[in-house]
C-alpha atoms as a PDB file:
ATOM      1  CA  UNK A   1     -49.242  54.380  37.556  1.00  0.00           C
ATOM      2  CA  UNK A   2     -50.355  57.670  34.862  1.00  0.00           C
ATOM      3  CA  UNK A   3     -53.846  56.971  36.392  1.00  0.00           C
ATOM      4  CA  UNK A   4     -52.700  57.411  40.295  1.00  0.00           C
ATOM      5  CA  UNK A   5     -50.671  60.831  38.851  1.00  0.00           C
ATOM      6  CA  UNK A   6     -54.016  62.262  37.477  1.00  0.00           C
ATOM      7  CA  UNK A   7     -56.019  61.122  40.129  1.00  0.00           C
ATOM      8  CA  UNK A   8     -53.390  62.886  42.591  1.00  0.00           C
ATOM      9  CA  UNK A   9     -53.806  65.857  40.520  1.00  0.00           C
ATOM     10  CA  UNK A  10     -57.331  65.546  40.471  1.00  0.00           C
ATOM     11  CA  UNK A  11     -57.405  65.501  43.916  1.00  0.00           C
ATOM     12  CA  UNK A  12     -54.932  68.150  44.640  1.00  0.00           C
ATOM     13  CA  UNK A  13     -56.892  70.666  42.798  1.00  0.00           C
ATOM     14  CA  UNK A  14     -60.186  69.870  44.737  1.00  0.00           C
ATOM     15  CA  UNK A  15     -58.478  70.159  47.859  1.00  0.00           C
ATOM     16  CA  UNK A  16     -56.824  73.565  46.830  1.00  0.00           C
ATOM     17  CA  UNK A  17     -60.187  75.307  45.270  1.00  0.00           C
ATOM     18  CA  UNK A  18     -61.908  74.518  48.699  1.00  0.00           C
ATOM     19  CA  UNK A  19     -59.333  76.182  50.517  1.00  0.00           C
ATOM     20  CA  UNK A  20     -60.166  80.210  50.021  1.00  0.00           C
ATOM     21  CA  UNK A  21     -62.860  81.411  51.926  1.00  0.00           C
ATOM     22  CA  UNK A  22     -64.811  84.185  51.066  1.00  0.00           C
ATOM     23  CA  UNK A  23     -63.029  86.850  52.982  1.00  0.00           C
ATOM     24  CA  UNK A  24     -59.493  85.829  51.724  1.00  0.00           C
ATOM     25  CA  UNK A  25     -60.832  86.076  48.383  1.00  0.00           C
ATOM     26  CA  UNK A  26     -61.977  89.568  49.149  1.00  0.00           C
ATOM     27  CA  UNK A  27     -58.958  90.377  50.669  1.00  0.00           C
ATOM     28  CA  UNK A  28     -56.693  89.243  47.767  1.00  0.00           C
ATOM     29  CA  UNK A  29     -58.880  90.731  44.942  1.00  0.00           C
ATOM     30  CA  UNK A  30     -59.113  94.325  47.049  1.00  0.00           C
ATOM     31  CA  UNK A  31     -56.054  95.481  45.205  1.00  0.00           C
ATOM     32  CA  UNK A  32     -57.362  95.060  42.231  1.00  0.00           C
ATOM     33  CA  UNK A  33     -61.083  96.569  43.319  1.00  0.00           C
ATOM     34  CA  UNK A  34     -58.969  99.437  44.952  1.00  0.00           C
ATOM     35  CA  UNK A  35     -57.334 100.352  41.278  1.00  0.00           C
ATOM     36  CA  UNK A  36     -60.545  99.876  38.957  1.00  0.00           C
ATOM     37  CA  UNK A  37     -62.370 102.733  41.204  1.00  0.00           C
ATOM     38  CA  UNK A  38     -58.892 104.883  41.018  1.00  0.00           C
ATOM     39  CA  UNK A  39     -58.049 104.397  37.078  1.00  0.00           C
ATOM     40  CA  UNK A  40     -61.941 105.417  36.610  1.00  0.00           C
ATOM     41  CA  UNK A  41     -61.130 108.668  39.178  1.00  0.00           C
ATOM     42  CA  UNK A  42     -58.221 109.614  37.702  1.00  0.00           C
ATOM     43  CA  UNK A  43     -60.077 109.857  34.277  1.00  0.00           C
ATOM     44  CA  UNK A  44     -63.473 111.215  35.702  1.00  0.00           C
ATOM     45  CA  UNK A  45     -61.521 113.713  37.738  1.00  0.00           C
ATOM     46  CA  UNK A  46     -58.815 114.851  35.328  1.00  0.00           C
ATOM     47  CA  UNK A  47     -56.425 114.151  38.069  1.00  0.00           C
ATOM     48  CA  UNK A  48     -53.470 111.889  38.070  1.00  0.00           C
ATOM     49  CA  UNK A  49     -52.603 111.811  42.050  1.00  0.00           C
ATOM     50  CA  UNK A  50     -56.154 110.273  42.385  1.00  0.00           C
ATOM     51  CA  UNK A  51     -55.532 107.762  45.803  1.00  0.00           C
ATOM     52  CA  UNK A  52     -58.552 105.160  46.679  1.00  0.00           C
ATOM     53  CA  UNK A  53     -59.791 104.208  50.249  1.00  0.00           C
ATOM     54  CA  UNK A  54     -61.923 101.070  50.704  1.00  0.00           C
ATOM     55  CA  UNK A  55     -65.228 102.279  52.614  1.00  0.00           C
ATOM     56  CA  UNK A  56     -66.958  99.080  52.872  1.00  0.00           C
ATOM     57  CA  UNK A  57     -67.018  95.399  51.016  1.00  0.00           C
ATOM     58  CA  UNK A  58     -69.800  92.547  51.257  1.00  0.00           C
ATOM     59  CA  UNK A  59     -69.681  89.489  49.388  1.00  0.00           C
ATOM     60  CA  UNK A  60     -73.078  88.726  47.370  1.00  0.00           C
ATOM     61  CA  UNK A  61     -74.551  85.949  46.513  1.00  0.00           C
ATOM     62  CA  UNK A  62     -75.970  85.084  43.368  1.00  0.00           C
ATOM     63  CA  UNK A  63     -79.536  86.195  42.500  1.00  0.00           C
ATOM     64  CA  UNK A  64     -81.232  83.211  41.785  1.00  0.00           C
ATOM     65  CA  UNK A  65     -80.434  80.104  43.730  1.00  0.00           C
ATOM     66  CA  UNK A  66     -82.051  76.557  42.716  1.00  0.00           C
ATOM     67  CA  UNK A  67     -82.617  73.276  41.397  1.00  0.00           C
ATOM     68  CA  UNK A  68     -82.672  74.904  37.836  1.00  0.00           C
ATOM     69  CA  UNK A  69     -81.478  78.165  38.263  1.00  0.00           C
ATOM     70  CA  UNK A  70     -78.427  79.422  38.291  1.00  0.00           C
ATOM     71  CA  UNK A  71     -78.287  83.221  38.541  1.00  0.00           C
ATOM     72  CA  UNK A  72     -74.284  83.624  38.036  1.00  0.00           C
ATOM     73  CA  UNK A  73     -70.740  83.313  40.325  1.00  0.00           C
ATOM     74  CA  UNK A  74     -70.943  84.759  44.402  1.00  0.00           C
ATOM     75  CA  UNK A  75     -69.261  88.666  43.661  1.00  0.00           C
ATOM     76  CA  UNK A  76     -67.311  90.863  45.942  1.00  0.00           C
ATOM     77  CA  UNK A  77     -69.037  94.255  46.016  1.00  0.00           C
ATOM     78  CA  UNK A  78     -66.746  97.515  47.361  1.00  0.00           C
ATOM     79  CA  UNK A  79     -67.776 100.862  48.124  1.00  0.00           C
ATOM     80  CA  UNK A  80     -64.435 102.839  47.053  1.00  0.00           C
ATOM     81  CA  UNK A  81     -63.788 106.608  47.669  1.00  0.00           C
ATOM     82  CA  UNK A  82     -61.350 108.346  45.243  1.00  0.00           C
ATOM     83  CA  UNK A  83     -59.672 111.678  46.765  1.00  0.00           C
ATOM     84  CA  UNK A  84     -57.169 113.870  44.780  1.00  0.00           C
ATOM     85  CA  UNK A  85     -57.175 117.706  43.387  1.00  0.00           C
ATOM     86  CA  UNK A  86     -59.794 119.094  46.062  1.00  0.00           C
ATOM     87  CA  UNK A  87     -62.513 116.642  44.503  1.00  0.00           C
ATOM     88  CA  UNK A  88     -64.044 113.482  45.836  1.00  0.00           C
ATOM     89  CA  UNK A  89     -66.051 110.367  44.545  1.00  0.00           C
ATOM     90  CA  UNK A  90     -66.999 107.281  45.680  1.00  0.00           C
ATOM     91  CA  UNK A  91     -67.336 104.276  43.328  1.00  0.00           C
ATOM     92  CA  UNK A  92     -69.045 100.927  43.865  1.00  0.00           C
ATOM     93  CA  UNK A  93     -67.007  98.068  42.743  1.00  0.00           C
ATOM     94  CA  UNK A  94     -67.663  94.469  41.494  1.00  0.00           C
ATOM     95  CA  UNK A  95     -65.243  91.492  41.001  1.00  0.00           C
ATOM     96  CA  UNK A  96     -67.229  87.909  40.306  1.00  0.00           C
ATOM     97  CA  UNK A  97     -65.204  84.853  41.971  1.00  0.00           C
ATOM     98  CA  UNK A  98     -65.174  83.658  38.544  1.00  0.00           C
ATOM     99  CA  UNK A  99     -61.772  85.690  38.376  1.00  0.00           C
ATOM    100  CA  UNK A 100     -62.665  87.338  35.283  1.00  0.00           C
ATOM    101  CA  UNK A 101     -61.754  90.911  36.708  1.00  0.00           C
ATOM    102  CA  UNK A 102     -63.007  93.925  38.614  1.00  0.00           C
ATOM    103  CA  UNK A 103     -65.434  96.370  37.063  1.00  0.00           C
ATOM    104  CA  UNK A 104     -67.171  99.988  37.796  1.00  0.00           C
ATOM    105  CA  UNK A 105     -70.795 100.034  38.571  1.00  0.00           C
ATOM    106  CA  UNK A 106     -72.979 103.163  38.349  1.00  0.00           C
ATOM    107  CA  UNK A 107     -72.952 106.578  38.359  1.00  0.00           C
ATOM    108  CA  UNK A 108     -70.273 107.778  40.158  1.00  0.00           C
ATOM    109  CA  UNK A 109     -71.724 110.218  43.802  1.00  0.00           C
ATOM    110  CA  UNK A 110     -69.221 113.279  43.127  1.00  0.00           C
ATOM    111  CA  UNK A 111     -68.650 115.319  46.388  1.00  0.00           C
ATOM    112  CA  UNK A 112     -67.191 118.899  45.965  1.00  0.00           C
END
């Protein structure tokens, strides 16, 4: 009986893991990506009222793929515009599919 319960649990986990598409993942993680960009913008622009807008988003495949090489997880890449206090900036945000959270990469592109 225990074996059957374990098998059922394992099959359920496998079934649920395959249900999320890349587009669904990008939609789910988008608020976290925006918040990551806004937090950076608030600090760099010294503007607590800054807000963010998604300019573009794309799902990126690992750099290296093959039988022996694994180049890391798939990742969602967002370009997010942050504006406030008469300033605007764009930030690139990366969110790996391994659910490790989002982070900002590179220098900001500031528009005054």
